Structures are given as structure tokens and as C-alpha cells.
């Protein structure tokens, strides 16, 4: 009867309002964009870290190469004095 129609209407309205509160398409797209942003951020940070480590490794290699040449030159000079 009448109470069933009122109950059905209430359930319908509740379902409609609930769907509007959390639209699956909106929620899915929001999650997708959040994931894309997080992946992009991780790649940017990873690239930055790789470049910083590469720069540091290059500086250390240059320092060691200079030290090796200095040592080699010094040894060559001392060997020539014999």
C-alpha cells in the first residue's frame, strides 16, 4: 500500500543521493589522476636523485684522477733522479 510506496520512494531518494555523493566515475578519475601525479612525482624525484649521485660520482672520479696524475708525475720525477 501507501507505506510501501513511501518506503520505496525513501529508498530511491537515499540511493540517488548516495550515488551523487560518491559518483563512481568521479571517484575513479580522481584516483587515476592522483596515481598519475604520484608516479610522475616519483619519476621526477628519482631522476633528480640519479643526477645528483652521478654528479657526486663524477667529482670523486675527477679528484681521484688528479691525485693519480700528481702521484704519477711525482714518482716519474723521483725515478729520473736516480
N, C-alpha and C. Protein backbone atom coordinates (compact mmCIF):
# COMPACT_ATOMS: atom_id res chain seq x y z
N UNK A 1 0.77 -1.16 0.00
CA UNK A 1 0.00 0.00 0.00
C UNK A 1 0.84 1.26 0.00
N UNK A 2 0.24 2.19 0.72
CA UNK A 2 0.83 3.52 0.76
C UNK A 2 2.19 3.53 1.46
N UNK A 3 2.32 2.76 2.54
CA UNK A 3 3.59 2.73 3.27
C UNK A 3 4.70 2.09 2.42
N UNK A 4 4.35 1.13 1.57
CA UNK A 4 5.35 0.53 0.67
C UNK A 4 5.83 1.56 -0.35
N UNK A 5 4.93 2.38 -0.86
CA UNK A 5 5.30 3.41 -1.84
C UNK A 5 6.19 4.46 -1.19
N UNK A 6 5.88 4.82 0.05
CA UNK A 6 6.70 5.81 0.76
C UNK A 6 8.08 5.21 1.03
N UNK A 7 8.12 3.95 1.45
CA UNK A 7 9.40 3.28 1.70
C UNK A 7 10.22 3.17 0.43
N UNK A 8 9.55 2.82 -0.68
CA UNK A 8 10.27 2.73 -1.96
C UNK A 8 10.83 4.09 -2.38
N UNK A 9 10.02 5.14 -2.19
CA UNK A 9 10.46 6.49 -2.54
C UNK A 9 11.65 6.90 -1.68
N UNK A 10 11.57 6.62 -0.40
CA UNK A 10 12.68 6.96 0.50
C UNK A 10 13.95 6.20 0.11
N UNK A 11 13.80 4.91 -0.17
CA UNK A 11 14.97 4.11 -0.58
C UNK A 11 15.55 4.63 -1.90
N UNK A 12 14.66 4.98 -2.85
CA UNK A 12 15.11 5.52 -4.13
C UNK A 12 15.87 6.83 -3.92
N UNK A 13 15.28 7.74 -3.14
CA UNK A 13 15.94 9.04 -2.88
C UNK A 13 17.28 8.85 -2.16
N UNK A 14 17.32 7.95 -1.21
CA UNK A 14 18.55 7.68 -0.49
C UNK A 14 19.62 7.13 -1.44
N UNK A 15 19.24 6.21 -2.31
CA UNK A 15 20.18 5.66 -3.29
C UNK A 15 20.68 6.72 -4.25
N UNK A 16 19.77 7.58 -4.70
CA UNK A 16 20.14 8.64 -5.64
C UNK A 16 21.11 9.62 -4.98
N UNK A 17 20.81 10.05 -3.77
CA UNK A 17 21.68 10.99 -3.05
C UNK A 17 23.03 10.35 -2.72
N UNK A 18 23.00 9.07 -2.37
CA UNK A 18 24.25 8.37 -2.07
C UNK A 18 25.12 8.29 -3.32
N UNK A 19 24.51 8.01 -4.47
CA UNK A 19 25.26 7.94 -5.73
C UNK A 19 25.87 9.29 -6.08
N UNK A 20 25.11 10.37 -5.83
CA UNK A 20 25.62 11.70 -6.13
C UNK A 20 26.77 12.08 -5.19
N UNK A 21 26.72 11.59 -3.96
CA UNK A 21 27.80 11.87 -3.01
C UNK A 21 29.11 11.21 -3.45
N UNK A 22 29.01 10.03 -4.02
CA UNK A 22 30.21 9.29 -4.38
C UNK A 22 30.01 8.69 -5.78
N UNK A 23 30.04 9.52 -6.77
CA UNK A 23 29.89 9.10 -8.16
C UNK A 23 31.08 8.22 -8.53
N UNK A 24 30.84 6.97 -8.92
CA UNK A 24 31.95 6.06 -9.22
C UNK A 24 32.88 6.59 -10.31
N UNK A 25 32.35 7.26 -11.31
CA UNK A 25 33.20 7.80 -12.37
C UNK A 25 34.10 8.90 -11.83
N UNK A 26 33.52 9.81 -11.04
CA UNK A 26 34.32 10.89 -10.45
C UNK A 26 35.40 10.31 -9.53
N UNK A 27 35.00 9.36 -8.72
CA UNK A 27 35.95 8.75 -7.78
C UNK A 27 37.07 8.03 -8.52
N UNK A 28 36.70 7.29 -9.56
CA UNK A 28 37.70 6.58 -10.35
C UNK A 28 38.67 7.52 -11.04
N UNK A 29 38.14 8.60 -11.61
CA UNK A 29 39.01 9.57 -12.28
C UNK A 29 39.92 10.28 -11.28
N UNK A 30 39.37 10.61 -10.12
CA UNK A 30 40.19 11.26 -9.09
C UNK A 30 41.34 10.35 -8.67
N UNK A 31 41.04 9.07 -8.49
CA UNK A 31 42.10 8.11 -8.13
C UNK A 31 43.13 7.98 -9.24
N UNK A 32 42.66 7.93 -10.47
CA UNK A 32 43.57 7.82 -11.61
C UNK A 32 44.52 9.01 -11.67
N UNK A 33 43.98 10.23 -11.56
CA UNK A 33 44.83 11.41 -11.62
C UNK A 33 45.78 11.48 -10.43
N UNK A 34 45.31 11.04 -9.28
CA UNK A 34 46.18 11.00 -8.10
C UNK A 34 47.34 10.03 -8.34
N UNK A 35 47.04 8.85 -8.89
CA UNK A 35 48.08 7.87 -9.17
C UNK A 35 49.07 8.40 -10.21
N UNK A 36 48.56 9.04 -11.26
CA UNK A 36 49.43 9.59 -12.29
C UNK A 36 50.35 10.66 -11.69
N UNK A 37 49.78 11.52 -10.83
CA UNK A 37 50.58 12.56 -10.19
C UNK A 37 51.67 11.93 -9.32
N UNK A 38 51.29 10.90 -8.55
CA UNK A 38 52.27 10.26 -7.66
C UNK A 38 53.38 9.59 -8.45
N UNK A 39 53.04 8.93 -9.55
CA UNK A 39 54.06 8.28 -10.38
C UNK A 39 54.98 9.34 -10.99
N UNK A 40 54.41 10.42 -11.51
CA UNK A 40 55.20 11.49 -12.09
C UNK A 40 56.15 12.08 -11.04
N UNK A 41 55.62 12.31 -9.84
CA UNK A 41 56.44 12.86 -8.77
C UNK A 41 57.59 11.91 -8.42
N UNK A 42 57.30 10.62 -8.37
CA UNK A 42 58.34 9.63 -8.06
C UNK A 42 59.41 9.62 -9.15
N UNK A 43 59.00 9.73 -10.41
CA UNK A 43 59.97 9.74 -11.51
C UNK A 43 60.84 10.99 -11.44
N UNK A 44 60.22 12.14 -11.19
CA UNK A 44 60.99 13.39 -11.10
C UNK A 44 61.98 13.32 -9.95
N UNK A 45 61.53 12.86 -8.81
CA UNK A 45 62.44 12.74 -7.66
C UNK A 45 63.55 11.72 -7.92
N UNK A 46 63.19 10.61 -8.55
CA UNK A 46 64.18 9.59 -8.88
C UNK A 46 65.22 10.11 -9.85
N UNK A 47 64.76 10.83 -10.89
CA UNK A 47 65.71 11.42 -11.85
C UNK A 47 66.64 12.40 -11.17
N UNK A 48 66.08 13.24 -10.30
CA UNK A 48 66.89 14.22 -9.58
C UNK A 48 67.94 13.52 -8.72
N UNK A 49 67.53 12.46 -8.06
CA UNK A 49 68.47 11.72 -7.20
C UNK A 49 69.57 11.06 -8.04
N UNK A 50 69.20 10.50 -9.17
CA UNK A 50 70.20 9.88 -10.06
C UNK A 50 71.20 10.92 -10.53
N UNK A 51 70.72 12.08 -10.95
CA UNK A 51 71.62 13.13 -11.44
C UNK A 51 72.54 13.63 -10.34
N UNK A 52 72.02 13.79 -9.13
CA UNK A 52 72.86 14.23 -8.00
C UNK A 52 73.94 13.19 -7.70
N UNK A 53 73.57 11.91 -7.70
CA UNK A 53 74.55 10.86 -7.43
C UNK A 53 75.59 10.78 -8.54
N UNK A 54 75.15 10.95 -9.77
CA UNK A 54 76.08 10.93 -10.91
C UNK A 54 77.06 12.09 -10.84
N UNK A 55 76.57 13.27 -10.47
CA UNK A 55 77.44 14.44 -10.32
C UNK A 55 78.47 14.20 -9.21
N UNK A 56 78.01 13.66 -8.09
CA UNK A 56 78.92 13.38 -6.97
C UNK A 56 79.97 12.34 -7.37
N UNK A 57 79.55 11.31 -8.08
CA UNK A 57 80.49 10.27 -8.52
C UNK A 57 81.51 10.85 -9.50
N UNK A 58 81.07 11.75 -10.37
CA UNK A 58 81.99 12.39 -11.33
C UNK A 58 83.01 13.25 -10.59
N UNK A 59 82.57 13.99 -9.60
CA UNK A 59 83.50 14.82 -8.82
C UNK A 59 84.54 13.96 -8.11
N UNK A 60 84.11 12.85 -7.54
CA UNK A 60 85.04 11.96 -6.84
C UNK A 60 86.03 11.35 -7.84
N UNK A 61 85.53 10.94 -9.00
CA UNK A 61 86.41 10.37 -10.02
C UNK A 61 87.44 11.39 -10.49
N UNK A 62 87.01 12.63 -10.70
CA UNK A 62 87.94 13.68 -11.11
C UNK A 62 89.00 13.93 -10.04
N UNK A 63 88.57 13.97 -8.79
CA UNK A 63 89.51 14.19 -7.68
C UNK A 63 90.53 13.05 -7.62
N UNK A 64 90.06 11.83 -7.77
CA UNK A 64 90.98 10.67 -7.72
C UNK A 64 91.91 10.65 -8.93
N UNK A 65 91.41 11.05 -10.09
CA UNK A 65 92.25 11.11 -11.29
C UNK A 65 93.35 12.15 -11.13
N UNK A 66 92.99 13.32 -10.61
CA UNK A 66 94.01 14.36 -10.35
C UNK A 66 95.07 13.84 -9.38
N UNK A 67 94.63 13.18 -8.32
CA UNK A 67 95.57 12.65 -7.33
C UNK A 67 96.48 11.59 -7.97
N UNK A 68 95.93 10.77 -8.84
CA UNK A 68 96.72 9.75 -9.52
C UNK A 68 97.77 10.39 -10.43
N UNK A 69 97.36 11.41 -11.20
CA UNK A 69 98.32 12.09 -12.08
C UNK A 69 99.41 12.80 -11.27
N UNK A 70 99.03 13.40 -10.16
CA UNK A 70 100.01 14.08 -9.32
C UNK A 70 101.01 13.06 -8.77
N UNK A 71 100.49 11.95 -8.29
CA UNK A 71 101.37 10.90 -7.76
C UNK A 71 102.27 10.37 -8.87
N UNK A 72 101.68 10.11 -10.05
CA UNK A 72 102.44 9.56 -11.17
C UNK A 72 103.56 10.52 -11.59
N UNK A 73 103.25 11.81 -11.65
CA UNK A 73 104.24 12.81 -12.02
C UNK A 73 105.35 12.88 -10.97
N UNK A 74 104.97 12.87 -9.72
CA UNK A 74 105.95 12.92 -8.63
C UNK A 74 106.85 11.70 -8.68
N UNK A 75 106.30 10.52 -8.90
CA UNK A 75 107.08 9.31 -8.97
C UNK A 75 108.01 9.30 -10.18
N UNK A 76 107.50 9.83 -11.30
CA UNK A 76 108.35 9.89 -12.51
C UNK A 76 109.53 10.80 -12.26
N UNK A 77 109.31 11.93 -11.58
CA UNK A 77 110.40 12.85 -11.27
C UNK A 77 111.41 12.19 -10.35
N UNK A 78 110.94 11.49 -9.32
CA UNK A 78 111.86 10.87 -8.38
C UNK A 78 112.63 9.72 -9.03
N UNK A 79 112.01 9.00 -9.98
CA UNK A 79 112.70 7.93 -10.67
C UNK A 79 113.79 8.47 -11.59
N UNK A 80 113.55 9.65 -12.15
CA UNK A 80 114.52 10.22 -13.08
C UNK A 80 115.76 10.75 -12.36
N UNK A 81 115.68 10.96 -11.07
CA UNK A 81 116.84 11.46 -10.33
C UNK A 81 117.81 10.34 -10.00
N UNK A 82 117.48 9.13 -10.18
CA UNK A 82 118.41 8.03 -9.87
C UNK A 82 119.41 7.93 -10.91
